[in-house]
C-alpha atoms as a PDB file:
ATOM      1  CA  MET A   1      70.965 101.869 110.796  1.00  0.00           C
ATOM      2  CA  LYS A   2      73.826 104.105 111.896  1.00  0.00           C
ATOM      3  CA  LEU A   3      74.814 101.531 114.499  1.00  0.00           C
ATOM      4  CA  LEU A   4      75.025  98.822 111.841  1.00  0.00           C
ATOM      5  CA  ILE A   5      77.252 100.985 109.661  1.00  0.00           C
ATOM      6  CA  LEU A   6      79.449 101.791 112.642  1.00  0.00           C
ATOM      7  CA  LEU A   7      79.785  98.101 113.507  1.00  0.00           C
ATOM      8  CA  LEU A   8      80.711  97.242 109.915  1.00  0.00           C
ATOM      9  CA  VAL A   9      83.377  99.958 109.818  1.00  0.00           C
ATOM     10  CA  VAL A  10      84.802  98.871 113.172  1.00  0.00           C
ATOM     11  CA  GLY A  11      84.821  95.218 112.070  1.00  0.00           C
ATOM     12  CA  TYR A  12      86.547  96.102 108.809  1.00  0.00           C
ATOM     13  CA  ALA A  13      89.181  98.185 110.586  1.00  0.00           C
ATOM     14  CA  ALA A  14      89.780  95.535 113.253  1.00  0.00           C
ATOM     15  CA  GLY A  15      90.176  92.802 110.636  1.00  0.00           C
ATOM     16  CA  ALA A  16      92.622  94.926 108.653  1.00  0.00           C
ATOM     17  CA  TRP A  17      94.628  95.810 111.771  1.00  0.00           C
ATOM     18  CA  PHE A  18      94.967  92.222 113.009  1.00  0.00           C
ATOM     19  CA  PHE A  19      95.770  90.997 109.509  1.00  0.00           C
ATOM     20  CA  MET A  20      98.481  93.617 109.015  1.00  0.00           C
ATOM     21  CA  LYS A  21     100.119  92.754 112.326  1.00  0.00           C
ATOM     22  CA  GLY A  22     100.691  89.124 111.352  1.00  0.00           C
ATOM     23  CA  ALA A  23     100.809  89.230 107.560  1.00  0.00           C
ATOM     24  CA  LYS A  24     104.294  90.714 107.412  1.00  0.00           C
ATOM     25  CA  ARG A  25     105.599  87.178 107.948  1.00  0.00           C
ATOM     26  CA  MET A  26     103.974  86.018 104.686  1.00  0.00           C
ATOM     27  CA  TYR A  27     103.795  89.103 102.454  1.00  0.00           C
ATOM     28  CA  GLN A  28     106.020  92.077 101.631  1.00  0.00           C
ATOM     29  CA  ASP A  29     105.228  95.416 103.271  1.00  0.00           C
ATOM     30  CA  ASP A  30     103.754  97.007 100.148  1.00  0.00           C
ATOM     31  CA  GLN A  31     101.539  93.967  99.582  1.00  0.00           C
ATOM     32  CA  VAL A  32     100.246  94.000 103.155  1.00  0.00           C
ATOM     33  CA  TRP A  33      98.673  97.454 102.730  1.00  0.00           C
ATOM     34  CA  LYS A  34      96.951  96.462  99.500  1.00  0.00           C
ATOM     35  CA  LEU A  35      95.665  93.204 100.942  1.00  0.00           C
ATOM     36  CA  ALA A  36      94.465  94.937 104.104  1.00  0.00           C
ATOM     37  CA  LEU A  37      92.319  97.262 102.007  1.00  0.00           C
ATOM     38  CA  ILE A  38      90.554  94.453 100.153  1.00  0.00           C
ATOM     39  CA  TRP A  39      90.660  91.691 102.775  1.00  0.00           C
ATOM     40  CA  PRO A  40      86.861  91.153 103.029  1.00  0.00           C
ATOM     41  CA  ALA A  41      86.500  90.379  99.316  1.00  0.00           C
ATOM     42  CA  LEU A  42      89.522  88.098  99.336  1.00  0.00           C
ATOM     43  CA  PHE A  43      88.326  86.367 102.500  1.00  0.00           C
ATOM     44  CA  LEU A  44      84.995  85.550 100.867  1.00  0.00           C
ATOM     45  CA  THR A  45      86.396  84.372  97.529  1.00  0.00           C
ATOM     46  CA  SER A  46      89.801  82.780  98.116  1.00  0.00           C
ATOM     47  CA  SER A  47      90.424  79.673 100.222  1.00  0.00           C
ATOM     48  CA  GLN A  48      94.196  80.283 100.078  1.00  0.00           C
ATOM     49  CA  PHE A  49      93.711  83.799 101.460  1.00  0.00           C
ATOM     50  CA  ARG A  50      91.474  82.436 104.248  1.00  0.00           C
ATOM     51  CA  ARG A  51      94.254  80.057 105.305  1.00  0.00           C
ATOM     52  CA  ASN A  52      96.836  82.852 105.238  1.00  0.00           C
ATOM     53  CA  PHE A  53      94.457  85.182 107.082  1.00  0.00           C
ATOM     54  CA  GLN A  54      94.050  82.621 109.847  1.00  0.00           C
ATOM     55  CA  ARG A  55      97.830  82.157 110.027  1.00  0.00           C
ATOM     56  CA  ALA A  56      98.300  85.916 110.243  1.00  0.00           C
ATOM     57  CA  LEU A  57      95.947  86.124 113.220  1.00  0.00           C
ATOM     58  CA  LYS A  58      97.877  83.483 115.168  1.00  0.00           C
ATOM     59  CA  PRO A  59     100.693  84.775 117.390  1.00  0.00           C
END
């Protein structure tokens, strides 16, 4: 159980980190922090955010 929680936290942090690195091209700095905090919910519910998330991960 602890391993699952650890993997979820690491996955969340990794997703936020990679998103923040590339999202500055599409969003303002203050928006990037807010979006990085709630990225899993937005990724599941918003097709526009999924497209932007994928663009942010590309170099």
